[in-house]
Amino acid sequence: KRPRSVWSVKVPKDERENGAALLDERIERLRELLCPVLGWQDDVPT
């Protein structure tokens, strides 16, 4: 059998950690990685 994919997920530890900020960081990193690959401008909608 083919091994299952491994997903490592960073989630907020508790209500003091800002989940929205974590999501914003990931989206911005995604934008940095994908825009050059897909030929998009940096100012495409989030």
ModelCIF file with pLDDT and N, C-alpha, C, O atoms, coordinates in Angstrom:
data_MODEL
#
_entry.id   MODEL 
#
_entity.id                         1 
_entity.type                       polymer 
_entity.pdbx_number_of_molecules   1 
#
_entity_poly.entity_id                      1 
_entity_poly.type                           'polypeptide(L)' 
_entity_poly.nstd_linkage                   no 
_entity_poly.nstd_monomer                   no 
_entity_poly.pdbx_seq_one_letter_code       KRPRSVWSVKVPKDERENGAALLDERIERLRELLCPVLGWQDDVPT 
_entity_poly.pdbx_seq_one_letter_code_can   KRPRSVWSVKVPKDERENGAALLDERIERLRELLCPVLGWQDDVPT 
_entity_poly.pdbx_strand_id                 A 
#
loop_
_entity_poly_seq.entity_id 
_entity_poly_seq.num 
_entity_poly_seq.mon_id 
_entity_poly_seq.hetero 
1 1  LYS n 
1 2  ARG n 
1 3  PRO n 
1 4  ARG n 
1 5  SER n 
1 6  VAL n 
1 7  TRP n 
1 8  SER n 
1 9  VAL n 
1 10 LYS n 
1 11 VAL n 
1 12 PRO n 
1 13 LYS n 
1 14 ASP n 
1 15 GLU n 
1 16 ARG n 
1 17 GLU n 
1 18 ASN n 
1 19 GLY n 
1 20 ALA n 
1 21 ALA n 
1 22 LEU n 
1 23 LEU n 
1 24 ASP n 
1 25 GLU n 
1 26 ARG n 
1 27 ILE n 
1 28 GLU n 
1 29 ARG n 
1 30 LEU n 
1 31 ARG n 
1 32 GLU n 
1 33 LEU n 
1 34 LEU n 
1 35 CYS n 
1 36 PRO n 
1 37 VAL n 
1 38 LEU n 
1 39 GLY n 
1 40 TRP n 
1 41 GLN n 
1 42 ASP n 
1 43 ASP n 
1 44 VAL n 
1 45 PRO n 
1 46 THR n 
#
_struct_asym.id          A 
_struct_asym.entity_id   1 
#
loop_
_ma_qa_metric.id 
_ma_qa_metric.mode 
_ma_qa_metric.name 
_ma_qa_metric.software_group_id 
_ma_qa_metric.type 
1 global pLDDT . pLDDT 
2 local  pLDDT . pLDDT 
#
_ma_qa_metric_global.metric_id      1 
_ma_qa_metric_global.metric_value   71.35 
_ma_qa_metric_global.model_id       1 
_ma_qa_metric_global.ordinal_id     1 
#
loop_
_ma_qa_metric_local.label_asym_id 
_ma_qa_metric_local.label_comp_id 
_ma_qa_metric_local.label_seq_id 
_ma_qa_metric_local.metric_id 
_ma_qa_metric_local.metric_value 
_ma_qa_metric_local.model_id 
_ma_qa_metric_local.ordinal_id 
A LYS 1  2 50.00 1 1  
A ARG 2  2 51.00 1 2  
A PRO 3  2 53.00 1 3  
A ARG 4  2 54.00 1 4  
A SER 5  2 54.00 1 5  
A VAL 6  2 57.00 1 6  
A TRP 7  2 56.00 1 7  
A SER 8  2 56.00 1 8  
A VAL 9  2 57.00 1 9  
A LYS 10 2 57.00 1 10 
A VAL 11 2 58.00 1 11 
A PRO 12 2 59.00 1 12 
A LYS 13 2 63.00 1 13 
A ASP 14 2 63.00 1 14 
A GLU 15 2 62.00 1 15 
A ARG 16 2 62.00 1 16 
A GLU 17 2 65.00 1 17 
A ASN 18 2 70.00 1 18 
A GLY 19 2 70.00 1 19 
A ALA 20 2 74.00 1 20 
A ALA 21 2 77.00 1 21 
A LEU 22 2 74.00 1 22 
A LEU 23 2 77.00 1 23 
A ASP 24 2 79.00 1 24 
A GLU 25 2 81.00 1 25 
A ARG 26 2 80.00 1 26 
A ILE 27 2 82.00 1 27 
A GLU 28 2 84.00 1 28 
A ARG 29 2 84.00 1 29 
A LEU 30 2 83.00 1 30 
A ARG 31 2 82.00 1 31 
A GLU 32 2 84.00 1 32 
A LEU 33 2 82.00 1 33 
A LEU 34 2 81.00 1 34 
A CYS 35 2 81.00 1 35 
A PRO 36 2 83.00 1 36 
A VAL 37 2 80.00 1 37 
A LEU 38 2 78.00 1 38 
A GLY 39 2 82.00 1 39 
A TRP 40 2 82.00 1 40 
A GLN 41 2 83.00 1 41 
A ASP 42 2 77.00 1 42 
A ASP 43 2 79.00 1 43 
A VAL 44 2 80.00 1 44 
A PRO 45 2 81.00 1 45 
A THR 46 2 75.00 1 46 
#
loop_
_atom_site.group_PDB 
_atom_site.id 
_atom_site.type_symbol 
_atom_site.label_atom_id 
_atom_site.label_alt_id 
_atom_site.label_comp_id 
_atom_site.label_asym_id 
_atom_site.label_entity_id 
_atom_site.label_seq_id 
_atom_site.pdbx_PDB_ins_code 
_atom_site.Cartn_x 
_atom_site.Cartn_y 
_atom_site.Cartn_z 
_atom_site.occupancy 
_atom_site.B_iso_or_equiv 
_atom_site.pdbx_formal_charge 
_atom_site.auth_seq_id 
_atom_site.auth_comp_id 
_atom_site.auth_asym_id 
_atom_site.auth_atom_id 
_atom_site.pdbx_PDB_model_num 
ATOM 1   N N  . LYS A 1 1  ? 0.836  -1.193 0.000   1.00 50.00 ? 1  LYS A N  1 
ATOM 2   C CA . LYS A 1 1  ? 0.000  0.000  0.000   1.00 50.00 ? 1  LYS A CA 1 
ATOM 3   C C  . LYS A 1 1  ? 0.873  1.246  0.000   1.00 50.00 ? 1  LYS A C  1 
ATOM 4   O O  . LYS A 1 1  ? 1.954  1.264  0.588   1.00 50.00 ? 1  LYS A O  1 
ATOM 5   N N  . ARG A 1 2  ? 0.393  2.275  -0.661  1.00 51.00 ? 2  ARG A N  1 
ATOM 6   C CA . ARG A 1 2  ? 1.076  3.558  -0.688  1.00 51.00 ? 2  ARG A CA 1 
ATOM 7   C C  . ARG A 1 2  ? 0.895  4.231  0.664   1.00 51.00 ? 2  ARG A C  1 
ATOM 8   O O  . ARG A 1 2  ? -0.205 4.197  1.214   1.00 51.00 ? 2  ARG A O  1 
ATOM 9   N N  . PRO A 1 3  ? 1.955  4.853  1.228   1.00 53.00 ? 3  PRO A N  1 
ATOM 10  C CA . PRO A 1 3  ? 1.797  5.497  2.535   1.00 53.00 ? 3  PRO A CA 1 
ATOM 11  C C  . PRO A 1 3  ? 0.871  6.705  2.442   1.00 53.00 ? 3  PRO A C  1 
ATOM 12  O O  . PRO A 1 3  ? 0.783  7.359  1.402   1.00 53.00 ? 3  PRO A O  1 
ATOM 13  N N  . ARG A 1 4  ? 0.194  6.984  3.526   1.00 54.00 ? 4  ARG A N  1 
ATOM 14  C CA . ARG A 1 4  ? -0.673 8.158  3.568   1.00 54.00 ? 4  ARG A CA 1 
ATOM 15  C C  . ARG A 1 4  ? 0.165  9.416  3.644   1.00 54.00 ? 4  ARG A C  1 
ATOM 16  O O  . ARG A 1 4  ? 1.305  9.391  4.109   1.00 54.00 ? 4  ARG A O  1 
ATOM 17  N N  . SER A 1 5  ? -0.399 10.502 3.191   1.00 54.00 ? 5  SER A N  1 
ATOM 18  C CA . SER A 1 5  ? 0.277  11.790 3.298   1.00 54.00 ? 5  SER A CA 1 
ATOM 19  C C  . SER A 1 5  ? 0.362  12.180 4.765   1.00 54.00 ? 5  SER A C  1 
ATOM 20  O O  . SER A 1 5  ? -0.498 11.819 5.569   1.00 54.00 ? 5  SER A O  1 
ATOM 21  N N  . VAL A 1 6  ? 1.398  12.912 5.099   1.00 57.00 ? 6  VAL A N  1 
ATOM 22  C CA . VAL A 1 6  ? 1.573  13.403 6.459   1.00 57.00 ? 6  VAL A CA 1 
ATOM 23  C C  . VAL A 1 6  ? 1.271  14.888 6.445   1.00 57.00 ? 6  VAL A C  1 
ATOM 24  O O  . VAL A 1 6  ? 1.855  15.636 5.661   1.00 57.00 ? 6  VAL A O  1 
ATOM 25  N N  . TRP A 1 7  ? 0.377  15.312 7.294   1.00 56.00 ? 7  TRP A N  1 
ATOM 26  C CA . TRP A 1 7  ? 0.016  16.716 7.387   1.00 56.00 ? 7  TRP A CA 1 
ATOM 27  C C  . TRP A 1 7  ? 0.423  17.219 8.758   1.00 56.00 ? 7  TRP A C  1 
ATOM 28  O O  . TRP A 1 7  ? -0.034 16.694 9.774   1.00 56.00 ? 7  TRP A O  1 
ATOM 29  N N  . SER A 1 8  ? 1.267  18.221 8.798   1.00 56.00 ? 8  SER A N  1 
ATOM 30  C CA . SER A 1 8  ? 1.652  18.852 10.050  1.00 56.00 ? 8  SER A CA 1 
ATOM 31  C C  . SER A 1 8  ? 0.931  20.193 10.090  1.00 56.00 ? 8  SER A C  1 
ATOM 32  O O  . SER A 1 8  ? 1.126  21.038 9.217   1.00 56.00 ? 8  SER A O  1 
ATOM 33  N N  . VAL A 1 9  ? 0.111  20.377 11.089  1.00 57.00 ? 9  VAL A N  1 
ATOM 34  C CA . VAL A 1 9  ? -0.727 21.567 11.134  1.00 57.00 ? 9  VAL A CA 1 
ATOM 35  C C  . VAL A 1 9  ? -0.440 22.340 12.414  1.00 57.00 ? 9  VAL A C  1 
ATOM 36  O O  . VAL A 1 9  ? -0.471 21.775 13.508  1.00 57.00 ? 9  VAL A O  1 
ATOM 37  N N  . LYS A 1 10 ? -0.163 23.630 12.275  1.00 57.00 ? 10 LYS A N  1 
ATOM 38  C CA . LYS A 1 10 ? 0.036  24.510 13.426  1.00 57.00 ? 10 LYS A CA 1 
ATOM 39  C C  . LYS A 1 10 ? -1.315 25.114 13.745  1.00 57.00 ? 10 LYS A C  1 
ATOM 40  O O  . LYS A 1 10 ? -1.885 25.838 12.928  1.00 57.00 ? 10 LYS A O  1 
ATOM 41  N N  . VAL A 1 11 ? -1.826 24.826 14.913  1.00 58.00 ? 11 VAL A N  1 
ATOM 42  C CA . VAL A 1 11 ? -3.111 25.385 15.331  1.00 58.00 ? 11 VAL A CA 1 
ATOM 43  C C  . VAL A 1 11 ? -2.890 26.216 16.585  1.00 58.00 ? 11 VAL A C  1 
ATOM 44  O O  . VAL A 1 11 ? -1.917 26.001 17.307  1.00 58.00 ? 11 VAL A O  1 
ATOM 45  N N  . PRO A 1 12 ? -3.789 27.165 16.853  1.00 59.00 ? 12 PRO A N  1 
ATOM 46  C CA . PRO A 1 12 ? -3.638 27.954 18.071  1.00 59.00 ? 12 PRO A CA 1 
ATOM 47  C C  . PRO A 1 12 ? -3.636 27.052 19.303  1.00 59.00 ? 12 PRO A C  1 
ATOM 48  O O  . PRO A 1 12 ? -4.447 26.133 19.414  1.00 59.00 ? 12 PRO A O  1 
ATOM 49  N N  . LYS A 1 13 ? -2.712 27.325 20.227  1.00 63.00 ? 13 LYS A N  1 
ATOM 50  C CA . LYS A 1 13 ? -2.611 26.512 21.440  1.00 63.00 ? 13 LYS A CA 1 
ATOM 51  C C  . LYS A 1 13 ? -3.810 26.746 22.358  1.00 63.00 ? 13 LYS A C  1 
ATOM 52  O O  . LYS A 1 13 ? -4.319 25.815 22.982  1.00 63.00 ? 13 LYS A O  1 
ATOM 53  N N  . ASP A 1 14 ? -4.241 27.974 22.429  1.00 63.00 ? 14 ASP A N  1 
ATOM 54  C CA . ASP A 1 14 ? -5.413 28.308 23.230  1.00 63.00 ? 14 ASP A CA 1 
ATOM 55  C C  . ASP A 1 14 ? -5.957 29.648 22.742  1.00 63.00 ? 14 ASP A C  1 
ATOM 56  O O  . ASP A 1 14 ? -5.498 30.181 21.732  1.00 63.00 ? 14 ASP A O  1 
ATOM 57  N N  . GLU A 1 15 ? -6.934 30.185 23.463  1.00 62.00 ? 15 GLU A N  1 
ATOM 58  C CA . GLU A 1 15 ? -7.585 31.408 22.991  1.00 62.00 ? 15 GLU A CA 1 
ATOM 59  C C  . GLU A 1 15 ? -6.663 32.629 23.014  1.00 62.00 ? 15 GLU A C  1 
ATOM 60  O O  . GLU A 1 15 ? -6.989 33.656 22.418  1.00 62.00 ? 15 GLU A O  1 
ATOM 61  N N  . ARG A 1 16 ? -5.513 32.530 23.696  1.00 62.00 ? 16 ARG A N  1 
ATOM 62  C CA . ARG A 1 16 ? -4.587 33.666 23.716  1.00 62.00 ? 16 ARG A CA 1 
ATOM 63  C C  . ARG A 1 16 ? -3.809 33.791 22.408  1.00 62.00 ? 16 ARG A C  1 
ATOM 64  O O  . ARG A 1 16 ? -3.334 34.876 22.073  1.00 62.00 ? 16 ARG A O  1 
ATOM 65  N N  . GLU A 1 17 ? -3.675 32.695 21.669  1.00 65.00 ? 17 GLU A N  1 
ATOM 66  C CA . GLU A 1 17 ? -2.957 32.751 20.400  1.00 65.00 ? 17 GLU A CA 1 
ATOM 67  C C  . GLU A 1 17 ? -3.949 33.122 19.300  1.00 65.00 ? 17 GLU A C  1 
ATOM 68  O O  . GLU A 1 17 ? -5.039 32.553 19.227  1.00 65.00 ? 17 GLU A O  1 
ATOM 69  N N  . ASN A 1 18 ? -3.586 34.049 18.467  1.00 70.00 ? 18 ASN A N  1 
ATOM 70  C CA . ASN A 1 18 ? -4.488 34.618 17.479  1.00 70.00 ? 18 ASN A CA 1 
ATOM 71  C C  . ASN A 1 18 ? -4.557 33.745 16.228  1.00 70.00 ? 18 ASN A C  1 
ATOM 72  O O  . ASN A 1 18 ? -3.646 33.768 15.401  1.00 70.00 ? 18 ASN A O  1 
ATOM 73  N N  . GLY A 1 19 ? -5.634 32.980 16.089  1.00 70.00 ? 19 GLY A N  1 
ATOM 74  C CA . GLY A 1 19 ? -5.815 32.109 14.936  1.00 70.00 ? 19 GLY A CA 1 
ATOM 75  C C  . GLY A 1 19 ? -5.923 32.880 13.640  1.00 70.00 ? 19 GLY A C  1 
ATOM 76  O O  . GLY A 1 19 ? -5.450 32.413 12.603  1.00 70.00 ? 19 GLY A O  1 
ATOM 77  N N  . ALA A 1 20 ? -6.545 34.069 13.677  1.00 74.00 ? 20 ALA A N  1 
ATOM 78  C CA . ALA A 1 20 ? -6.670 34.885 12.469  1.00 74.00 ? 20 ALA A CA 1 
ATOM 79  C C  . ALA A 1 20 ? -5.293 35.350 11.995  1.00 74.00 ? 20 ALA A C  1 
ATOM 80  O O  . ALA A 1 20 ? -5.039 35.409 10.792  1.00 74.00 ? 20 ALA A O  1 
ATOM 81  N N  . ALA A 1 21 ? -4.410 35.676 12.927  1.00 77.00 ? 21 ALA A N  1 
ATOM 82  C CA . ALA A 1 21 ? -3.050 36.090 12.552  1.00 77.00 ? 21 ALA A CA 1 
ATOM 83  C C  . ALA A 1 21 ? -2.291 34.918 11.928  1.00 77.00 ? 21 ALA A C  1 
ATOM 84  O O  . ALA A 1 21 ? -1.549 35.104 10.963  1.00 77.00 ? 21 ALA A O  1 
ATOM 85  N N  . LEU A 1 22 ? -2.472 33.715 12.472  1.00 74.00 ? 22 LEU A N  1 
ATOM 86  C CA . LEU A 1 22 ? -1.837 32.534 11.885  1.00 74.00 ? 22 LEU A CA 1 
ATOM 87  C C  . LEU A 1 22 ? -2.318 32.320 10.450  1.00 74.00 ? 22 LEU A C  1 
ATOM 88  O O  . LEU A 1 22 ? -1.524 32.021 9.559   1.00 74.00 ? 22 LEU A O  1 
ATOM 89  N N  . LEU A 1 23 ? -3.621 32.476 10.238  1.00 77.00 ? 23 LEU A N  1 
ATOM 90  C CA . LEU A 1 23 ? -4.181 32.319 8.899   1.00 77.00 ? 23 LEU A CA 1 
ATOM 91  C C  . LEU A 1 23 ? -3.635 33.384 7.954   1.00 77.00 ? 23 LEU A C  1 
ATOM 92  O O  . LEU A 1 23 ? -3.283 33.079 6.814   1.00 77.00 ? 23 LEU A O  1 
ATOM 93  N N  . ASP A 1 24 ? -3.562 34.631 8.418   1.00 79.00 ? 24 ASP A N  1 
ATOM 94  C CA . ASP A 1 24 ? -3.023 35.712 7.588   1.00 79.00 ? 24 ASP A CA 1 
ATOM 95  C C  . ASP A 1 24 ? -1.573 35.434 7.193   1.00 79.00 ? 24 ASP A C  1 
ATOM 96  O O  . ASP A 1 24 ? -1.182 35.689 6.054   1.00 79.00 ? 24 ASP A O  1 
ATOM 97  N N  . GLU A 1 25 ? -0.770 34.910 8.134   1.00 81.00 ? 25 GLU A N  1 
ATOM 98  C CA . GLU A 1 25 ? 0.626  34.576 7.831   1.00 81.00 ? 25 GLU A CA 1 
ATOM 99  C C  . GLU A 1 25 ? 0.697  33.507 6.740   1.00 81.00 ? 25 GLU A C  1 
ATOM 100 O O  . GLU A 1 25 ? 1.500  33.611 5.812   1.00 81.00 ? 25 GLU A O  1 
ATOM 101 N N  . ARG A 1 26 ? -0.142 32.488 6.856   1.00 80.00 ? 26 ARG A N  1 
ATOM 102 C CA . ARG A 1 26 ? -0.130 31.394 5.871   1.00 80.00 ? 26 ARG A CA 1 
ATOM 103 C C  . ARG A 1 26 ? -0.573 31.885 4.496   1.00 80.00 ? 26 ARG A C  1 
ATOM 104 O O  . ARG A 1 26 ? 0.002  31.495 3.480   1.00 80.00 ? 26 ARG A O  1 
ATOM 105 N N  . ILE A 1 27 ? -1.590 32.736 4.464   1.00 82.00 ? 27 ILE A N  1 
ATOM 106 C CA . ILE A 1 27 ? -2.076 33.256 3.188   1.00 82.00 ? 27 ILE A CA 1 
ATOM 107 C C  . ILE A 1 27 ? -0.995 34.118 2.531   1.00 82.00 ? 27 ILE A C  1 
ATOM 108 O O  . ILE A 1 27 ? -0.793 34.041 1.319   1.00 82.00 ? 27 ILE A O  1 
ATOM 109 N N  . GLU A 1 28 ? -0.308 34.932 3.318   1.00 84.00 ? 28 GLU A N  1 
ATOM 110 C CA . GLU A 1 28 ? 0.749  35.766 2.754   1.00 84.00 ? 28 GLU A CA 1 
ATOM 111 C C  . GLU A 1 28 ? 1.901  34.909 2.233   1.00 84.00 ? 28 GLU A C  1 
ATOM 112 O O  . GLU A 1 28 ? 2.464  35.211 1.181   1.00 84.00 ? 28 GLU A O  1 
ATOM 113 N N  . ARG A 1 29 ? 2.258  33.852 2.948   1.00 84.00 ? 29 ARG A N  1 
ATOM 114 C CA . ARG A 1 29 ? 3.312  32.936 2.484   1.00 84.00 ? 29 ARG A CA 1 
ATOM 115 C C  . ARG A 1 29 ? 2.869  32.248 1.194   1.00 84.00 ? 29 ARG A C  1 
ATOM 116 O O  . ARG A 1 29 ? 3.663  32.080 0.269   1.00 84.00 ? 29 ARG A O  1 
ATOM 117 N N  . LEU A 1 30 ? 1.617  31.857 1.139   1.00 83.00 ? 30 LEU A N  1 
ATOM 118 C CA . LEU A 1 30 ? 1.059  31.237 -0.057  1.00 83.00 ? 30 LEU A CA 1 
ATOM 119 C C  . LEU A 1 30 ? 1.136  32.188 -1.247  1.00 83.00 ? 30 LEU A C  1 
ATOM 120 O O  . LEU A 1 30 ? 1.491  31.781 -2.353  1.00 83.00 ? 30 LEU A O  1 
ATOM 121 N N  . ARG A 1 31 ? 0.807  33.440 -1.017  1.00 82.00 ? 31 ARG A N  1 
ATOM 122 C CA . ARG A 1 31 ? 0.885  34.458 -2.070  1.00 82.00 ? 31 ARG A CA 1 
ATOM 123 C C  . ARG A 1 31 ? 2.324  34.577 -2.563  1.00 82.00 ? 31 ARG A C  1 
ATOM 124 O O  . ARG A 1 31 ? 2.558  34.632 -3.771  1.00 82.00 ? 31 ARG A O  1 
ATOM 125 N N  . GLU A 1 32 ? 3.306  34.618 -1.633  1.00 84.00 ? 32 GLU A N  1 
ATOM 126 C CA . GLU A 1 32 ? 4.723  34.729 -1.997  1.00 84.00 ? 32 GLU A CA 1 
ATOM 127 C C  . GLU A 1 32 ? 5.171  33.552 -2.863  1.00 84.00 ? 32 GLU A C  1 
ATOM 128 O O  . GLU A 1 32 ? 5.954  33.719 -3.798  1.00 84.00 ? 32 GLU A O  1 
ATOM 129 N N  . LEU A 1 33 ? 4.665  32.357 -2.540  1.00 82.00 ? 33 LEU A N  1 
ATOM 130 C CA . LEU A 1 33 ? 5.069  31.162 -3.274  1.00 82.00 ? 33 LEU A CA 1 
ATOM 131 C C  . LEU A 1 33 ? 4.360  31.016 -4.619  1.00 82.00 ? 33 LEU A C  1 
ATOM 132 O O  . LEU A 1 33 ? 4.996  30.702 -5.625  1.00 82.00 ? 33 LEU A O  1 
ATOM 133 N N  . LEU A 1 34 ? 3.053  31.242 -4.641  1.00 81.00 ? 34 LEU A N  1 
ATOM 134 C CA . LEU A 1 34 ? 2.268  30.944 -5.832  1.00 81.00 ? 34 LEU A CA 1 
ATOM 135 C C  . LEU A 1 34 ? 2.282  32.026 -6.910  1.00 81.00 ? 34 LEU A C  1 
ATOM 136 O O  . LEU A 1 34 ? 2.288  31.706 -8.098  1.00 81.00 ? 34 LEU A O  1 
ATOM 137 N N  . CYS A 1 35 ? 2.288  33.290 -6.519  1.00 81.00 ? 35 CYS A N  1 
ATOM 138 C CA . CYS A 1 35 ? 2.195  34.351 -7.535  1.00 81.00 ? 35 CYS A CA 1 
ATOM 139 C C  . CYS A 1 35 ? 3.299  34.247 -8.588  1.00 81.00 ? 35 CYS A C  1 
ATOM 140 O O  . CYS A 1 35 ? 2.996  34.324 -9.778  1.00 81.00 ? 35 CYS A O  1 
ATOM 141 N N  . PRO A 1 36 ? 4.578  34.074 -8.199  1.00 83.00 ? 36 PRO A N  1 
ATOM 142 C CA . PRO A 1 36 ? 5.608  33.951 -9.245  1.00 83.00 ? 36 PRO A CA 1 
ATOM 143 C C  . PRO A 1 36 ? 5.426  32.695 -10.098 1.00 83.00 ? 36 PRO A C  1 
ATOM 144 O O  . PRO A 1 36 ? 5.664  32.725 -11.306 1.00 83.00 ? 36 PRO A O  1 
ATOM 145 N N  . VAL A 1 37 ? 5.007  31.599 -9.477  1.00 80.00 ? 37 VAL A N  1 
ATOM 146 C CA . VAL A 1 37 ? 4.837  30.341 -10.214 1.00 80.00 ? 37 VAL A CA 1 
ATOM 147 C C  . VAL A 1 37 ? 3.704  30.451 -11.225 1.00 80.00 ? 37 VAL A C  1 
ATOM 148 O O  . VAL A 1 37 ? 3.815  29.953 -12.345 1.00 80.00 ? 37 VAL A O  1 
ATOM 149 N N  . LEU A 1 38 ? 2.615  31.103 -10.830 1.00 78.00 ? 38 LEU A N  1 
ATOM 150 C CA . LEU A 1 38 ? 1.448  31.216 -11.699 1.00 78.00 ? 38 LEU A CA 1 
ATOM 151 C C  . LEU A 1 38 ? 1.485  32.461 -12.591 1.00 78.00 ? 38 LEU A C  1 
ATOM 152 O O  . LEU A 1 38 ? 0.592  32.666 -13.413 1.00 78.00 ? 38 LEU A O  1 
ATOM 153 N N  . GLY A 1 39 ? 2.514  33.286 -12.426 1.00 82.00 ? 39 GLY A N  1 
ATOM 154 C CA . GLY A 1 39 ? 2.640  34.481 -13.252 1.00 82.00 ? 39 GLY A CA 1 
ATOM 155 C C  . GLY A 1 39 ? 1.687  35.599 -12.858 1.00 82.00 ? 39 GLY A C  1 
ATOM 156 O O  . GLY A 1 39 ? 1.358  36.457 -13.677 1.00 82.00 ? 39 GLY A O  1 
ATOM 157 N N  . TRP A 1 40 ? 1.248  35.591 -11.617 1.00 82.00 ? 40 TRP A N  1 
ATOM 158 C CA . TRP A 1 40 ? 0.331  36.626 -11.133 1.00 82.00 ? 40 TRP A CA 1 
ATOM 159 C C  . TRP A 1 40 ? 1.109  37.780 -10.524 1.00 82.00 ? 40 TRP A C  1 
ATOM 160 O O  . TRP A 1 40 ? 2.233  37.612 -10.051 1.00 82.00 ? 40 TRP A O  1 
ATOM 161 N N  . GLN A 1 41 ? 0.485  38.967 -10.546 1.00 83.00 ? 41 GLN A N  1 
ATOM 162 C CA . GLN A 1 41 ? 1.055  40.124 -9.861  1.00 83.00 ? 41 GLN A CA 1 
ATOM 163 C C  . GLN A 1 41 ? 0.905  39.935 -8.350  1.00 83.00 ? 41 GLN A C  1 
ATOM 164 O O  . GLN A 1 41 ? 0.045  39.181 -7.895  1.00 83.00 ? 41 GLN A O  1 
ATOM 165 N N  . ASP A 1 42 ? 1.748  40.625 -7.579  1.00 77.00 ? 42 ASP A N  1 
ATOM 166 C CA . ASP A 1 42 ? 1.690  40.512 -6.117  1.00 77.00 ? 42 ASP A CA 1 
ATOM 167 C C  . ASP A 1 42 ? 0.409  41.083 -5.516  1.00 77.00 ? 42 ASP A C  1 
ATOM 168 O O  . ASP A 1 42 ? 0.077  40.792 -4.367  1.00 77.00 ? 42 ASP A O  1 
ATOM 169 N N  . ASP A 1 43 ? -0.313 41.901 -6.296  1.00 79.00 ? 43 ASP A N  1 
ATOM 170 C CA . ASP A 1 43 ? -1.493 42.561 -5.744  1.00 79.00 ? 43 ASP A CA 1 
ATOM 171 C C  . ASP A 1 43 ? -2.809 41.859 -6.096  1.00 79.00 ? 43 ASP A C  1 
ATOM 172 O O  . ASP A 1 43 ? -3.873 42.473 -6.020  1.00 79.00 ? 43 ASP A O  1 
ATOM 173 N N  . VAL A 1 44 ? -2.746 40.569 -6.483  1.00 80.00 ? 44 VAL A N  1 
ATOM 174 C CA . VAL A 1 44 ? -3.994 39.854 -6.772  1.00 80.00 ? 44 VAL A CA 1 
ATOM 175 C C  . VAL A 1 44 ? -4.816 39.760 -5.484  1.00 80.00 ? 44 VAL A C  1 
ATOM 176 O O  . VAL A 1 44 ? -4.257 39.808 -4.388  1.00 80.00 ? 44 VAL A O  1 
ATOM 177 N N  . PRO A 1 45 ? -6.121 39.627 -5.607  1.00 81.00 ? 45 PRO A N  1 
ATOM 178 C CA . PRO A 1 45 ? -6.937 39.486 -4.406  1.00 81.00 ? 45 PRO A CA 1 
ATOM 179 C C  . PRO A 1 45 ? -6.463 38.300 -3.555  1.00 81.00 ? 45 PRO A C  1 
ATOM 180 O O  . PRO A 1 45 ? -6.046 37.266 -4.079  1.00 81.00 ? 45 PRO A O  1 
ATOM 181 N N  . THR A 1 46 ? -6.535 38.473 -2.263  1.00 75.00 ? 46 THR A N  1 
ATOM 182 C CA . THR A 1 46 ? -6.027 37.486 -1.313  1.00 75.00 ? 46 THR A CA 1 
ATOM 183 C C  . THR A 1 46 ? -6.573 36.093 -1.566  1.00 75.00 ? 46 THR A C  1 
ATOM 184 O O  . THR A 1 46 ? -6.232 35.156 -0.843  1.00 75.00 ? 46 THR A O  1 
#
